[in-house]
Amino acid sequence: MKNIFLLFAVLLFTGIQAQKKPNAVQITYIKSSNGTVLENQDPILIYADKNQTIVTSEKIASKKAAFPYEFFYLNHSSKHWFQTAQLNENKSISTVDSTSIANQKFTYGTETKKILGYVCKKATTSINSNTIDIWYTNELDLKGAPSALGQDLGLVLEVTRNGNYSITASKVQKLKSIPTEIIQIPSAKSTTDVLSYRDELWKSRFTTISIFENETINFSDKSISNDSIFRFAAGTVIAKKIKVGKIPNGSQVFIDLKEQSNGDAYDRTGSVFVIPTNSKISFFDALQNGKAVLPLYENGNGKQYQGVVKTNEYTPVVELMRFFTPFGVNHFNYLKMKNKDWEEAVFYRQDISDLASVLNDQEVIVGVFIGNYDQGGHKVSLNLTIHEEESKAKAKKVISLFNTLNVMEMAGQDYATMFNSDKGLEVKFTLTEDVANAKLRYITTGHGGWGNGDEFVPKKNSIFLDNQETFSFTPWKTDCGSYRNYNPASGNFENGLSSSDYSRSNWCPGTTTNPLFIDLGNLNAGEHTITIKIPQGENEGNSFSSWNVSGVLIGE
């Protein structure tokens, strides 16, 4: 009897111990989409006790996380939610939100379900048109969640967004206390505002190379080079040498340009380009010494065109972005119209990932051209951003084949009027090795004249590879009226249209012209020919038409 009583006492004590609430917990969460666990994820970890919740991850806790990374701290008493970002080994930033936890609104359902043996209740909320279902338990008498959402409900063991994306607890471990090395309590005095925090964290995720900052592009004999910035063609071309580090294969690369009028009221052609320096003659030689150093192109129409096609000794500039200034943005914003709120600047952003090999791990010369004859001209800022990603795809081979845009227009380089000949533009090039999946990165815009000029008349562009037509299309932009608020100095006509509203040959005042990628297939080593033909309009008095086309061969 005594042994039976002792056994009963042991079982009763064990049961009481099993029901005892823990002082703290560690919970591991995994992410899944449509019922499938996501690969290569870093599981979320939370640590919670009566006073605090810490949200981190397995890699952060084991000091294996890549920079930048975030972790979070909640003070349950004050409801202050701290966000901390470790930007690098030596720099971290924090911000604090004192209202969002207390202001969360939920609707509560009556259904329950068990997760890891714990009975969970359901709460639902909506954020940015997303329905969020939160499953939480009160059985452990603690509160915590894998994000700010639901921290005050109980222990959140599952969060599901729109019924298809879930963060679910995979393990609950009871602890005597939260490990001291995990607890990092930020000081409210050292925090920044939330927008500054988000901005600095966002910018730390990619590399930014500032190339130009509020530089003037104008037409003036006072525009001269200095120690860092070259100025050519009476100031209408600026250029700079920059060093670009290693760009991992598969990374996303962008350029962004900000432009404002500094006195010029007109829509102008602009270009951002890289000058290849791996040939005997470079475009930089011409900028320094004049257009006469450039090889000439002739097609039988009686004219000579400087530096427009690749030769054995010369490679044209690689055009990164074609852009067009609007009519006087910023400088002429005093020209008021009812219900028109003029923009302060125009921003252009272009994905140039396919041209990454031109920049990768080398010093390059980057230039910006805006054709104008105004002493005030334009103000520009230019940045290059590299967003690192890894890919097993083969690196791209890039060869600049032609560029008829007369970047040295104000130094005498002729307009591209060669398309008035049946031969058009023809470039012969030799490949030293086979190129797989070749594409022609083709940019084209038509210019000249008023009503009958090619700027305002659709014209078919035909591209021939080795004398066989491979592609043809009619480049035309019909959405120019969408950019009216960038054009304060645009003229207004009797028919009710603004000049900036008119459809044009692949461009509008205040836009970029996107490149077209033309499939050329697999190209064998040896000599090839690409020909561009456009039915260019006839001259009308002093008015003439021209076509600015650039082509870069890209392949594996």
Protein backbone atom coordinates (compact mmCIF):
# COMPACT_ATOMS: atom_id res chain seq x y z
CA MET A 1 0.00 0.00 0.00
CA LYS A 2 2.84 2.36 0.87
CA ASN A 3 4.44 1.77 -2.56
CA ILE A 4 1.15 2.41 -4.33
CA PHE A 5 0.73 5.71 -2.46
CA LEU A 6 4.29 6.70 -3.38
CA LEU A 7 3.70 5.89 -7.05
CA PHE A 8 0.50 7.97 -7.04
CA ALA A 9 2.37 10.90 -5.50
CA VAL A 10 5.10 10.70 -8.13
CA LEU A 11 2.57 10.62 -10.97
CA LEU A 12 0.66 13.55 -9.50
CA PHE A 13 3.85 15.62 -9.09
CA THR A 14 4.90 14.76 -12.63
CA GLY A 15 1.52 15.88 -13.94
CA ILE A 16 1.77 19.17 -12.09
CA GLN A 17 5.27 19.71 -13.49
CA ALA A 18 4.04 18.96 -17.02
CA GLN A 19 1.32 21.61 -16.69
CA LYS A 20 3.61 24.25 -15.26
CA LYS A 21 3.90 27.27 -17.53
CA PRO A 22 7.44 28.02 -18.79
CA ASN A 23 9.27 31.23 -17.95
CA ALA A 24 10.29 31.67 -21.59
CA VAL A 25 10.07 29.96 -24.99
CA GLN A 26 12.06 29.68 -28.19
CA ILE A 27 9.93 29.09 -31.29
CA THR A 28 11.19 28.19 -34.76
CA TYR A 29 9.10 29.08 -37.84
CA ILE A 30 9.31 27.97 -41.46
CA LYS A 31 7.77 29.60 -44.55
CA SER A 32 5.66 27.82 -47.15
CA SER A 33 3.74 28.78 -50.28
CA ASN A 34 0.68 26.87 -51.43
CA GLY A 35 1.56 24.09 -49.02
CA THR A 36 5.17 23.70 -50.20
CA VAL A 37 8.01 24.59 -47.86
CA LEU A 38 10.27 27.22 -49.45
CA GLU A 39 13.82 26.13 -50.23
CA ASN A 40 17.01 27.67 -48.84
CA GLN A 41 15.20 29.71 -46.21
CA ASP A 42 16.58 31.06 -42.97
CA PRO A 43 14.04 29.95 -40.32
CA ILE A 44 12.64 32.70 -38.10
CA LEU A 45 13.34 32.42 -34.38
CA ILE A 46 11.51 34.18 -31.59
CA TYR A 47 12.37 34.30 -27.90
CA ALA A 48 9.61 35.42 -25.53
CA ASP A 49 9.05 35.84 -21.81
CA LYS A 50 6.71 38.00 -19.72
CA ASN A 51 8.70 41.15 -20.41
CA GLN A 52 9.86 40.95 -24.00
CA THR A 53 9.83 39.28 -27.39
CA ILE A 54 12.88 39.08 -29.64
CA VAL A 55 12.49 38.22 -33.34
CA THR A 56 15.61 36.99 -35.12
CA SER A 57 16.63 34.03 -37.30
CA GLU A 58 18.78 30.92 -37.14
CA LYS A 59 21.56 32.49 -39.22
CA ILE A 60 21.55 35.72 -37.21
CA ALA A 61 21.61 33.81 -33.91
CA SER A 62 24.54 31.68 -35.14
CA LYS A 63 26.33 34.78 -36.56
CA LYS A 64 26.19 33.41 -40.12
CA ALA A 65 23.79 35.95 -41.64
CA ALA A 66 24.88 38.07 -44.58
CA PHE A 67 24.72 41.86 -44.23
CA PRO A 68 22.43 43.67 -44.03
CA TYR A 69 20.04 41.88 -41.68
CA GLU A 70 17.29 42.90 -39.25
CA PHE A 71 16.18 41.77 -35.83
CA PHE A 72 13.36 43.08 -33.64
CA TYR A 73 12.64 43.70 -29.98
CA LEU A 74 9.29 44.29 -28.25
CA ASN A 75 8.90 45.65 -24.73
CA HIS A 76 5.58 44.16 -23.59
CA SER A 77 4.99 46.81 -20.95
CA SER A 78 5.46 49.92 -23.12
CA LYS A 79 4.43 48.22 -26.40
CA HIS A 80 7.49 49.80 -28.01
CA TRP A 81 8.56 47.86 -31.13
CA PHE A 82 12.26 48.34 -31.93
CA GLN A 83 13.67 47.50 -35.37
CA THR A 84 17.45 47.15 -35.69
CA ALA A 85 19.40 46.67 -38.91
CA GLN A 86 23.00 45.53 -38.90
CA LEU A 87 24.32 47.14 -42.08
CA ASN A 88 27.87 45.80 -41.77
CA GLU A 89 30.26 44.65 -39.07
CA ASN A 90 30.67 48.16 -37.72
CA LYS A 91 27.36 49.89 -38.32
CA SER A 92 23.82 49.34 -37.11
CA ILE A 93 20.74 51.56 -37.12
CA SER A 94 17.51 51.37 -35.11
CA THR A 95 14.06 52.86 -35.08
CA VAL A 96 11.17 52.55 -32.62
CA ASP A 97 7.42 52.35 -33.23
CA SER A 98 5.35 53.21 -30.17
CA THR A 99 1.86 52.93 -31.68
CA SER A 100 1.47 50.06 -34.17
CA ILE A 101 1.20 47.21 -31.61
CA ALA A 102 -1.54 48.93 -29.63
CA ASN A 103 -3.41 50.05 -32.76
CA GLN A 104 -3.74 46.65 -34.43
CA LYS A 105 -7.39 45.69 -35.12
CA PHE A 106 -8.65 42.11 -35.45
CA THR A 107 -11.85 40.19 -35.87
CA TYR A 108 -12.01 36.98 -33.84
CA GLY A 109 -13.36 33.68 -35.08
CA THR A 110 -14.80 30.82 -33.03
CA GLU A 111 -12.91 28.04 -34.79
CA THR A 112 -9.83 26.45 -33.26
CA LYS A 113 -7.09 24.08 -34.38
CA LYS A 114 -4.07 22.40 -32.86
CA ILE A 115 -0.52 23.35 -33.88
CA LEU A 116 2.30 21.34 -32.30
CA GLY A 117 -0.20 20.10 -29.72
CA TYR A 118 -1.38 23.55 -28.62
CA VAL A 119 -4.98 24.68 -29.10
CA CYS A 120 -4.97 27.84 -31.21
CA LYS A 121 -7.62 30.49 -31.78
CA LYS A 122 -8.01 32.54 -34.95
CA ALA A 123 -7.79 36.31 -35.45
CA THR A 124 -8.09 38.02 -38.82
CA THR A 125 -7.03 41.42 -40.11
CA SER A 126 -6.49 43.14 -43.46
CA ILE A 127 -3.32 44.97 -44.52
CA ASN A 128 -2.95 46.64 -47.93
CA SER A 129 -5.79 44.53 -49.39
CA ASN A 130 -4.22 41.32 -48.00
CA THR A 131 -6.25 39.10 -45.67
CA ILE A 132 -4.11 37.88 -42.77
CA ASP A 133 -5.19 34.94 -40.60
CA ILE A 134 -3.33 34.59 -37.29
CA TRP A 135 -3.46 31.43 -35.17
CA TYR A 136 -2.38 31.97 -31.57
CA THR A 137 -2.42 30.04 -28.30
CA ASN A 138 -2.84 31.22 -24.70
CA GLU A 139 -1.93 27.84 -23.20
CA LEU A 140 1.63 28.90 -22.36
CA ASP A 141 0.61 32.23 -20.83
CA LEU A 142 3.18 34.13 -22.98
CA LYS A 143 2.95 36.47 -25.93
CA GLY A 144 5.05 36.68 -29.09
CA ALA A 145 4.90 36.48 -32.89
CA PRO A 146 7.28 36.16 -35.88
CA SER A 147 6.59 39.81 -36.84
CA ALA A 148 5.00 42.89 -35.29
CA LEU A 149 1.57 41.59 -36.24
CA GLY A 150 -0.30 39.82 -33.43
CA GLN A 151 2.30 40.34 -30.73
CA ASP A 152 -0.40 41.18 -28.17
CA LEU A 153 -2.70 38.22 -28.90
CA GLY A 154 -0.77 35.36 -27.32
CA LEU A 155 1.88 33.06 -28.77
CA VAL A 156 1.33 33.18 -32.52
CA LEU A 157 2.07 29.79 -34.09
CA GLU A 158 0.91 30.47 -37.65
CA VAL A 159 0.33 33.46 -39.91
CA THR A 160 -1.30 32.95 -43.32
CA ARG A 161 -1.62 35.63 -46.00
CA ASN A 162 -4.44 35.32 -48.56
CA GLY A 163 -4.72 31.61 -47.86
CA ASN A 164 -1.56 30.70 -49.75
CA TYR A 165 1.56 31.96 -47.94
CA SER A 166 2.23 30.81 -44.39
CA ILE A 167 4.76 31.24 -41.59
CA THR A 168 4.24 28.25 -39.29
CA ALA A 169 5.87 27.19 -36.03
CA SER A 170 7.86 23.98 -36.48
CA LYS A 171 9.23 23.73 -32.93
CA VAL A 172 8.38 25.15 -29.49
CA GLN A 173 11.10 24.88 -26.83
CA LYS A 174 10.45 25.79 -23.20
CA LEU A 175 13.24 27.75 -21.50
CA LYS A 176 14.08 28.83 -17.98
CA SER A 177 15.06 32.22 -19.40
CA ILE A 178 16.03 33.90 -22.65
CA PRO A 179 19.80 33.45 -23.25
CA THR A 180 21.58 36.65 -22.31
CA GLU A 181 23.52 36.75 -25.59
CA ILE A 182 20.20 36.95 -27.47
CA ILE A 183 18.84 39.96 -25.59
CA GLN A 184 19.83 43.20 -27.33
CA ILE A 185 17.74 46.14 -26.10
CA PRO A 186 18.19 49.26 -28.24
CA SER A 187 18.21 52.64 -26.58
CA ALA A 188 15.34 54.87 -27.64
CA LYS A 189 17.77 57.82 -27.65
CA SER A 190 19.88 56.20 -30.37
CA THR A 191 17.00 55.54 -32.79
CA THR A 192 16.22 57.37 -36.02
CA ASP A 193 12.84 58.09 -37.59
CA VAL A 194 11.23 55.20 -39.41
CA LEU A 195 11.50 56.65 -42.94
CA SER A 196 15.22 57.38 -42.53
CA TYR A 197 15.69 53.88 -41.13
CA ARG A 198 13.93 52.25 -44.08
CA ASP A 199 15.80 54.40 -46.58
CA GLU A 200 19.24 53.61 -45.16
CA LEU A 201 18.43 49.90 -44.89
CA TRP A 202 17.15 49.84 -48.47
CA LYS A 203 20.21 51.61 -49.84
CA SER A 204 22.53 49.23 -47.98
CA ARG A 205 21.16 46.31 -50.01
CA PHE A 206 22.80 47.47 -53.25
CA THR A 207 25.88 49.34 -54.41
CA THR A 208 25.45 52.91 -55.63
CA ILE A 209 28.10 54.68 -57.68
CA SER A 210 27.40 58.39 -57.99
CA ILE A 211 28.77 59.52 -61.36
CA PHE A 212 27.42 63.07 -61.74
CA GLU A 213 25.68 65.28 -59.19
CA ASN A 214 23.87 68.41 -60.46
CA GLU A 215 26.31 68.89 -63.33
CA THR A 216 25.61 71.41 -66.07
CA ILE A 217 25.35 70.35 -69.71
CA ASN A 218 25.20 73.50 -71.80
CA PHE A 219 26.68 75.25 -74.82
CA SER A 220 29.38 77.71 -73.78
CA ASP A 221 33.06 78.40 -74.39
CA LYS A 222 33.34 78.65 -70.60
CA SER A 223 32.53 74.93 -70.21
CA ILE A 224 35.96 73.45 -69.56
CA SER A 225 37.23 70.22 -68.01
CA ASN A 226 38.48 69.97 -64.44
CA ASP A 227 40.31 67.31 -62.43
CA SER A 228 37.32 64.95 -62.28
CA ILE A 229 34.92 65.81 -65.10
CA PHE A 230 35.70 66.13 -68.80
CA ARG A 231 33.67 68.62 -70.85
CA PHE A 232 33.63 68.46 -74.62
CA ALA A 233 31.77 69.87 -77.63
CA ALA A 234 31.36 73.29 -75.95
CA GLY A 235 29.97 71.66 -72.81
CA THR A 236 27.25 69.52 -74.42
CA VAL A 237 29.13 66.31 -73.50
CA ILE A 238 30.35 65.51 -70.00
CA ALA A 239 32.40 62.40 -69.20
CA LYS A 240 34.04 60.83 -66.19
CA LYS A 241 36.29 57.86 -65.44
CA ILE A 242 34.79 55.55 -62.83
CA LYS A 243 35.96 52.32 -61.26
CA VAL A 244 33.37 49.57 -61.11
CA GLY A 245 34.03 46.56 -58.91
CA LYS A 246 33.21 42.94 -59.50
CA ILE A 247 29.62 42.41 -60.67
CA PRO A 248 28.46 38.85 -59.85
CA ASN A 249 26.99 37.07 -62.85
CA GLY A 250 23.20 37.43 -62.79
CA SER A 251 23.15 40.75 -60.94
CA GLN A 252 20.67 43.47 -61.83
CA VAL A 253 22.32 46.72 -62.95
CA PHE A 254 20.52 50.05 -63.41
CA ILE A 255 21.34 53.62 -64.28
CA ASP A 256 19.14 56.50 -63.17
CA LEU A 257 19.28 60.07 -64.40
CA LYS A 258 17.65 63.19 -63.00
CA GLU A 259 17.29 66.16 -65.39
CA GLN A 260 16.13 69.74 -65.00
CA SER A 261 16.22 72.67 -67.37
CA ASN A 262 18.83 75.27 -66.44
CA GLY A 263 17.68 77.69 -69.12
CA ASP A 264 16.97 75.61 -72.24
CA ALA A 265 13.26 75.51 -73.04
CA TYR A 266 13.29 72.78 -75.70
CA ASP A 267 13.00 69.02 -75.99
CA ARG A 268 16.49 67.68 -76.69
CA THR A 269 18.05 64.34 -77.52
CA GLY A 270 20.12 62.88 -74.71
CA SER A 271 22.26 59.79 -74.32
CA VAL A 272 24.15 58.01 -71.53
CA PHE A 273 27.03 55.96 -72.89
CA VAL A 274 30.24 54.09 -72.15
CA ILE A 275 33.31 54.68 -74.32
CA PRO A 276 35.12 51.42 -75.21
CA THR A 277 38.90 51.87 -75.00
CA ASN A 278 40.00 48.43 -76.21
CA SER A 279 40.46 49.52 -79.84
CA LYS A 280 43.27 51.47 -81.50
CA ILE A 281 40.95 54.47 -81.89
CA SER A 282 38.38 55.38 -79.25
CA PHE A 283 35.61 57.95 -79.20
CA PHE A 284 37.48 59.59 -76.33
CA ASP A 285 40.29 60.38 -78.80
CA ALA A 286 37.77 62.25 -80.92
CA LEU A 287 36.37 64.16 -77.96
CA GLN A 288 39.88 65.29 -77.12
CA ASN A 289 41.26 65.87 -80.63
CA GLY A 290 38.24 66.43 -82.87
CA LYS A 291 36.00 64.37 -85.15
CA ALA A 292 38.73 63.97 -87.82
CA VAL A 293 40.30 61.05 -85.90
CA LEU A 294 37.14 58.96 -86.33
CA PRO A 295 36.80 56.46 -89.20
CA LEU A 296 34.39 57.51 -91.92
CA TYR A 297 31.32 55.66 -93.14
CA GLU A 298 30.10 56.14 -96.73
CA ASN A 299 27.14 54.49 -98.42
CA GLY A 300 27.07 56.23 -101.79
CA ASN A 301 24.82 59.18 -100.96
CA GLY A 302 27.73 61.61 -101.29
CA LYS A 303 28.20 62.24 -97.56
CA GLN A 304 30.66 61.02 -94.96
CA TYR A 305 29.65 60.07 -91.41
CA GLN A 306 32.16 60.05 -88.57
CA GLY A 307 32.53 57.17 -86.13
CA VAL A 308 29.16 55.48 -86.56
CA VAL A 309 30.15 51.84 -87.25
CA LYS A 310 32.61 49.36 -85.84
CA THR A 311 35.86 48.78 -87.74
CA ASN A 312 38.96 46.72 -87.07
CA GLU A 313 40.49 49.73 -85.30
CA TYR A 314 37.45 51.45 -83.77
CA THR A 315 34.42 50.61 -81.59
CA PRO A 316 31.47 53.05 -81.29
CA VAL A 317 30.19 54.13 -77.89
CA VAL A 318 27.93 51.69 -76.06
CA GLU A 319 24.64 53.47 -75.53
CA LEU A 320 23.28 52.66 -72.07
CA MET A 321 20.19 54.88 -72.27
CA ARG A 322 18.50 57.16 -74.82
CA PHE A 323 16.44 59.91 -73.20
CA PHE A 324 14.68 63.09 -74.24
CA THR A 325 14.43 66.24 -72.18
CA PRO A 326 10.98 67.78 -71.79
CA PHE A 327 10.16 71.39 -72.57
CA GLY A 328 11.83 73.34 -69.76
CA VAL A 329 10.98 71.33 -66.63
CA ASN A 330 11.73 73.27 -63.41
CA HIS A 331 13.32 76.39 -64.94
CA PHE A 332 10.10 77.41 -66.72
CA ASN A 333 7.64 76.27 -64.07
CA TYR A 334 6.59 79.90 -63.63
CA LEU A 335 4.62 79.54 -66.90
CA LYS A 336 1.34 78.73 -65.18
CA MET A 337 -1.70 76.95 -66.60
CA LYS A 338 -4.92 76.25 -64.78
CA ASN A 339 -5.02 72.75 -63.26
CA LYS A 340 -1.43 72.03 -64.29
CA ASP A 341 1.06 71.29 -61.52
CA TRP A 342 4.47 71.13 -63.17
CA GLU A 343 6.97 68.54 -61.99
CA GLU A 344 10.23 69.72 -60.41
CA ALA A 345 12.44 67.31 -62.39
CA VAL A 346 12.23 64.35 -64.73
CA PHE A 347 13.65 60.99 -63.66
CA TYR A 348 14.79 58.27 -66.04
CA ARG A 349 15.76 54.75 -64.94
CA GLN A 350 17.04 52.01 -67.24
CA ASP A 351 17.85 48.33 -66.68
CA ILE A 352 21.27 47.72 -68.26
CA SER A 353 21.92 44.26 -66.81
CA ASP A 354 22.65 42.82 -70.27
CA LEU A 355 25.54 45.29 -70.59
CA ALA A 356 27.10 44.45 -67.21
CA SER A 357 30.22 42.91 -68.78
CA VAL A 358 31.08 46.34 -70.23
CA LEU A 359 31.39 47.66 -66.66
CA ASN A 360 32.47 44.58 -64.73
CA ASP A 361 35.62 44.96 -62.62
CA GLN A 362 37.24 47.73 -64.65
CA GLU A 363 37.74 51.44 -65.03
CA VAL A 364 35.43 52.89 -67.68
CA ILE A 365 34.59 56.28 -69.16
CA VAL A 366 30.89 57.15 -68.78
CA GLY A 367 29.45 60.12 -70.62
CA VAL A 368 26.20 62.07 -70.93
CA PHE A 369 25.20 64.10 -74.00
CA ILE A 370 22.34 66.57 -74.40
CA GLY A 371 22.19 68.37 -77.72
CA ASN A 372 21.50 72.06 -77.11
CA TYR A 373 22.73 75.56 -77.96
CA ASP A 374 21.77 77.25 -74.69
CA GLN A 375 24.26 78.82 -72.24
CA GLY A 376 22.13 77.70 -69.29
CA GLY A 377 21.41 74.29 -70.73
CA HIS A 378 20.47 71.50 -68.34
CA LYS A 379 21.34 70.09 -64.90
CA VAL A 380 21.81 66.33 -64.55
CA SER A 381 22.59 63.78 -61.85
CA LEU A 382 23.57 60.22 -62.79
CA ASN A 383 23.89 57.09 -60.64
CA LEU A 384 24.80 53.48 -61.34
CA THR A 385 23.30 50.87 -59.01
CA ILE A 386 24.32 47.21 -58.75
CA HIS A 387 21.88 44.78 -57.13
CA GLU A 388 23.85 41.60 -56.52
CA GLU A 389 22.40 38.23 -57.45
CA GLU A 390 24.05 34.94 -58.30
CA SER A 391 23.22 33.00 -61.45
CA LYS A 392 24.60 29.94 -63.19
CA ALA A 393 23.88 31.49 -66.58
CA LYS A 394 26.85 32.16 -68.79
CA ALA A 395 28.34 35.65 -68.83
CA LYS A 396 27.24 37.86 -71.72
CA LYS A 397 29.54 38.87 -74.56
CA VAL A 398 28.93 42.49 -75.63
CA ILE A 399 30.08 44.11 -78.89
CA SER A 400 29.08 47.65 -79.89
CA LEU A 401 28.38 47.54 -83.65
CA PHE A 402 26.92 50.91 -84.58
CA ASN A 403 25.68 54.22 -83.14
CA THR A 404 24.52 56.97 -85.48
CA LEU A 405 23.57 59.39 -82.70
CA ASN A 406 25.90 62.34 -83.25
CA VAL A 407 27.13 62.80 -79.68
CA MET A 408 29.63 65.37 -81.01
CA GLU A 409 26.86 67.32 -82.76
CA MET A 410 28.11 70.64 -81.36
CA ALA A 411 31.66 69.76 -82.48
CA GLY A 412 30.64 69.15 -86.08
CA GLN A 413 29.67 65.46 -86.16
CA ASP A 414 27.03 65.05 -88.87
CA TYR A 415 23.42 64.00 -88.42
CA ALA A 416 22.47 60.44 -89.40
CA THR A 417 20.93 61.07 -92.81
CA MET A 418 22.46 57.96 -94.41
CA PHE A 419 19.09 56.25 -94.65
CA ASN A 420 18.19 58.27 -97.76
CA SER A 421 20.31 55.71 -99.63
CA ASP A 422 19.08 52.20 -100.40
CA LYS A 423 22.20 50.82 -98.70
CA GLY A 424 21.22 52.49 -95.44
CA LEU A 425 23.58 51.62 -92.62
CA GLU A 426 25.82 48.58 -93.08
CA VAL A 427 28.36 47.26 -90.61
CA LYS A 428 30.68 44.32 -91.14
CA PHE A 429 32.14 42.60 -88.07
CA THR A 430 34.19 39.51 -87.37
CA LEU A 431 33.57 37.09 -84.50
CA THR A 432 36.65 35.28 -83.21
CA GLU A 433 34.46 32.57 -81.63
CA ASP A 434 30.92 31.24 -81.87
CA VAL A 435 28.22 33.26 -80.09
CA ALA A 436 25.13 31.46 -78.80
CA ASN A 437 21.68 33.04 -78.41
CA ALA A 438 22.78 36.28 -80.00
CA LYS A 439 20.56 39.35 -79.72
CA LEU A 440 20.80 42.84 -81.16
CA ARG A 441 20.05 45.49 -78.52
CA TYR A 442 18.54 48.06 -80.86
CA ILE A 443 17.51 51.65 -80.05
CA THR A 444 15.92 53.80 -82.75
CA THR A 445 14.32 57.25 -82.89
CA GLY A 446 13.28 59.38 -85.88
CA HIS A 447 13.90 63.12 -86.07
CA GLY A 448 13.47 66.19 -88.24
CA GLY A 449 10.99 68.49 -89.87
CA TRP A 450 7.56 69.52 -88.76
CA GLY A 451 4.44 67.89 -90.18
CA ASN A 452 6.28 65.94 -92.89
CA GLY A 453 9.48 65.15 -91.00
CA ASP A 454 10.30 61.64 -89.82
CA GLU A 455 9.81 62.73 -86.21
CA PHE A 456 6.07 62.80 -86.91
CA VAL A 457 5.74 60.19 -89.67
CA PRO A 458 5.81 56.43 -88.89
CA LYS A 459 8.62 54.70 -90.79
CA LYS A 460 9.41 50.99 -91.01
CA ASN A 461 12.81 49.87 -89.68
CA SER A 462 14.18 46.72 -91.33
CA ILE A 463 17.13 44.78 -89.90
CA PHE A 464 19.11 42.39 -92.10
CA LEU A 465 21.64 39.80 -90.92
CA ASP A 466 24.00 38.55 -93.61
CA ASN A 467 21.68 39.99 -96.31
CA GLN A 468 18.58 38.21 -94.96
CA GLU A 469 15.80 40.26 -93.37
CA THR A 470 15.58 39.10 -89.76
CA PHE A 471 13.19 41.65 -88.26
CA SER A 472 11.14 44.72 -89.16
CA PHE A 473 8.82 47.02 -87.23
CA THR A 474 7.53 50.59 -87.17
CA PRO A 475 8.70 52.41 -84.02
CA TRP A 476 6.04 54.81 -82.78
CA LYS A 477 5.07 56.37 -79.43
CA THR A 478 1.42 57.28 -78.89
CA ASP A 479 1.40 58.15 -75.17
CA CYS A 480 3.28 61.48 -75.24
CA GLY A 481 0.31 63.34 -73.77
CA SER A 482 0.84 61.38 -70.53
CA TYR A 483 3.91 63.51 -69.77
CA ARG A 484 2.33 66.96 -70.11
CA ASN A 485 3.17 67.95 -66.52
CA TYR A 486 6.89 67.71 -67.32
CA ASN A 487 6.57 70.27 -70.15
CA PRO A 488 5.80 73.76 -68.85
CA ALA A 489 7.31 75.51 -71.88
CA SER A 490 5.58 73.35 -74.51
CA GLY A 491 3.73 75.31 -77.17
CA ASN A 492 -0.06 75.06 -77.45
CA PHE A 493 -1.71 74.94 -80.88
CA GLU A 494 -5.05 76.07 -82.31
CA ASN A 495 -6.35 72.50 -82.37
CA GLY A 496 -6.06 72.29 -78.55
CA LEU A 497 -2.99 70.06 -78.46
CA SER A 498 0.33 70.86 -76.85
CA SER A 499 3.47 70.19 -78.85
CA SER A 500 4.51 67.65 -76.22
CA ASP A 501 1.24 65.72 -76.78
CA TYR A 502 2.03 64.71 -80.37
CA SER A 503 2.92 61.10 -81.14
CA ARG A 504 6.46 60.63 -82.39
CA SER A 505 8.89 58.16 -83.91
CA ASN A 506 9.64 56.16 -80.74
CA TRP A 507 10.10 59.02 -78.27
CA CYS A 508 8.30 61.70 -76.27
CA PRO A 509 9.56 64.85 -74.53
CA GLY A 510 10.40 63.62 -71.03
CA THR A 511 10.83 59.86 -71.64
CA THR A 512 13.43 57.21 -72.35
CA THR A 513 13.37 55.10 -75.49
CA ASN A 514 13.50 51.45 -74.52
CA PRO A 515 15.84 49.16 -76.43
CA LEU A 516 14.38 46.38 -78.54
CA PHE A 517 16.06 42.96 -78.30
CA ILE A 518 16.12 41.27 -81.69
CA ASP A 519 16.89 37.53 -81.77
CA LEU A 520 19.71 36.66 -84.17
CA GLY A 521 20.11 32.99 -83.19
CA ASN A 522 23.51 31.30 -82.93
CA LEU A 523 26.30 33.05 -84.85
CA ASN A 524 29.35 31.15 -86.03
CA ALA A 525 32.86 32.55 -85.80
CA GLY A 526 33.79 34.56 -88.89
CA GLU A 527 32.56 37.63 -90.78
CA HIS A 528 28.99 38.87 -90.57
CA THR A 529 27.04 41.88 -91.82
CA ILE A 530 24.15 43.76 -90.22
CA THR A 531 22.22 46.27 -92.33
CA ILE A 532 19.59 48.78 -91.18
CA LYS A 533 17.19 50.22 -93.75
CA ILE A 534 14.65 53.01 -93.11
CA PRO A 535 12.72 54.94 -95.81
CA GLN A 536 14.00 58.34 -94.68
CA GLY A 537 11.96 61.35 -95.82
CA GLU A 538 13.16 63.84 -98.41
CA ASN A 539 14.57 67.24 -97.50
CA GLU A 540 12.14 70.15 -97.49
CA GLY A 541 14.06 73.41 -97.86
CA ASN A 542 16.34 73.68 -94.84
CA SER A 543 14.46 70.93 -93.03
CA PHE A 544 15.76 67.38 -93.13
CA SER A 545 15.07 64.05 -91.44
CA SER A 546 17.50 61.73 -89.69
CA TRP A 547 17.49 58.51 -87.63
CA ASN A 548 19.49 57.87 -84.49
CA VAL A 549 20.02 54.13 -84.24
CA SER A 550 22.40 52.20 -81.99
CA GLY A 551 23.07 48.48 -81.94
CA VAL A 552 24.95 46.28 -79.50
CA LEU A 553 25.44 42.55 -80.09
CA ILE A 554 24.81 40.51 -76.94
CA GLY A 555 25.30 36.76 -76.68
CA GLU A 556 26.80 33.88 -74.75
